[in-house]
Amino acid sequence: MTSSTQTAADLSKDIARVFALQQAHQWDVKASTAEQRKAKLTKLKAAIEAHADDIVAAVLEDTRKPEGEIRVTEVLNILGNIQLNIDSLDDWMKPTEVTPSKNPADRAQIVYEARGVCLILGPWNFPLGLTLGPVAAAVAAGNCCIVKLTDLCPATAKIAGTIIREVFDENEVALFEGDVSVAEALLELPFNHIFFTGSTRVGKIVMAAAAKNLASVTLELGGKSPVIIDDGADIGAIGAALAGAKQFNGGQACICPDYVFVKEDKKAELVEAFKSNVQKNLYDEAGSINKQAIAQVVNQGNFNRVKAMFDDAVEKGATVAVGGTFDEADLTVHPTMLTDVTPQMKILQEEIFAPLLPVMTYDNLDQAIGYIEARDKPLALYVFSPNENNVQKVLDRTSSGGVTVNGVFSHYLENRLPFGGVNGSGMGSYHGYFGFKAFSHERAVYIHQ
């Protein structure tokens, strides 16, 4: 919807024009049938398939991540998500029948109706996957929506705009390109619902803007996701899993393990398992890293932030057990494990969002649980344990957006589970049916007979 020659005044008028069109058209979209919505989703799926190579090229230009990862996260996952909406929409849209408690002869229903006109703001780490996924859910629920990708991914925003314009009229779904001023202008408008994926800091700004118009929000944020390694767990398998998680997208994922608790007598084994996996997957026999196999840090500012976090830890006594190399020329951070870290270090105070993994030791489970309890609720929590009672104790005594036991990322990858955070790590959830619900209002209908 925007161009490099468009003035701020023209852009403001264009945003207002499209918003007015969607406000007027929302009632027709709300009344659309499941078949009509599925037809739109089918068209969206076909457009993504047709532009798959363009998508990969655009995301590669913006993020410099491995092409295989891009094809999975920015194409195949979106297609699978859309297909799930198509396959399930008839059931999702059916009203839920409720038997009235006072007069069973009457009828009562919960009807899922569209929220109206929605704003979807996407992140840079998975710029298309975490934007078109919510778009599919919004369309399935019968909404109009305006989409804005981050300005850190201009090439991806351009191809996303091409796809959206091929599939939708602007009075139903529209995309605006541009810098942060465009997002700020959009946040001034009285949307019915705002869906934001990004940092906790910006999430607070979005929620404050939504409050001015009493708009509902879904905030998909982040936080410091802990890992607890219990007695008897398979350290070799865990080290490989954590190394793989930190290599995926260069550690730039909101659910990436952020710090680890392990018993002192298992620390050396964990370090070796992590190191072995990294060397096997990323380094050649000469010891050079394959930079085509790991995403670089997204920009210079984030590279500087990560390097400063690392330097602060080392200066305060952390030991570089694995990695520790920073290639500023191309913003590559080698997968790194730090031991002997303390809570006073920035690396244990700020979300890392890079392939650095600090490790702390603990004496008993209560000590690890107490540390987690005393901090903001994370987006993800990982527990490796063969002891069901200990797993249950961690679940009972902590809170997080989601949990994977004896693995990583699985609670996110299962589309039949809700994905979202709690308090500082987010608000609301989506994926599959829960995405449909996020963009729907549960309307109570009582019918006297």
Foldseek 3Di string as FASTA:
>chain_A
DDDPPQDPVNLLVVLVVLVVLQQVCLVVLQPDDLVVLLVLLVLLLVLLVVCVVLLLVLLCVLWVFFSVLLSVQQRVLLSVQSVLLNVCLVVLQDWDWDQDPPDSVWTKTWGWTFLEEEEEEAESLNQRNSGSSLVSLNSSRRYAYEYEYAQSRQSNLVSVQVSCVVRDDSSRYHYDYDHVVSVVSVLQDQGQEYEYEEALVVVVVSVVSNVVNVHHYWYAHADAAEEEEDPPFDLLVVLLQLLVLCQNSQLQDRQRHQEYEDAPVCVVVSLVSVQVNLCVQAADPVGDGDSSRGIAPSDPVLLVVLLVLVVQQVVVPKDWSHAPDADNVRRHGRQTEIEPGDCVGVSNVDRNSGNYYYYYYDDDLVVVLVVQLVDDAGQEYEYEDPDPVSVVVSVVRGHWQYYDYNHGPPQVVPQVHWHHTDVSSIDATHGNSSSNSSRIDTDMDIGDD
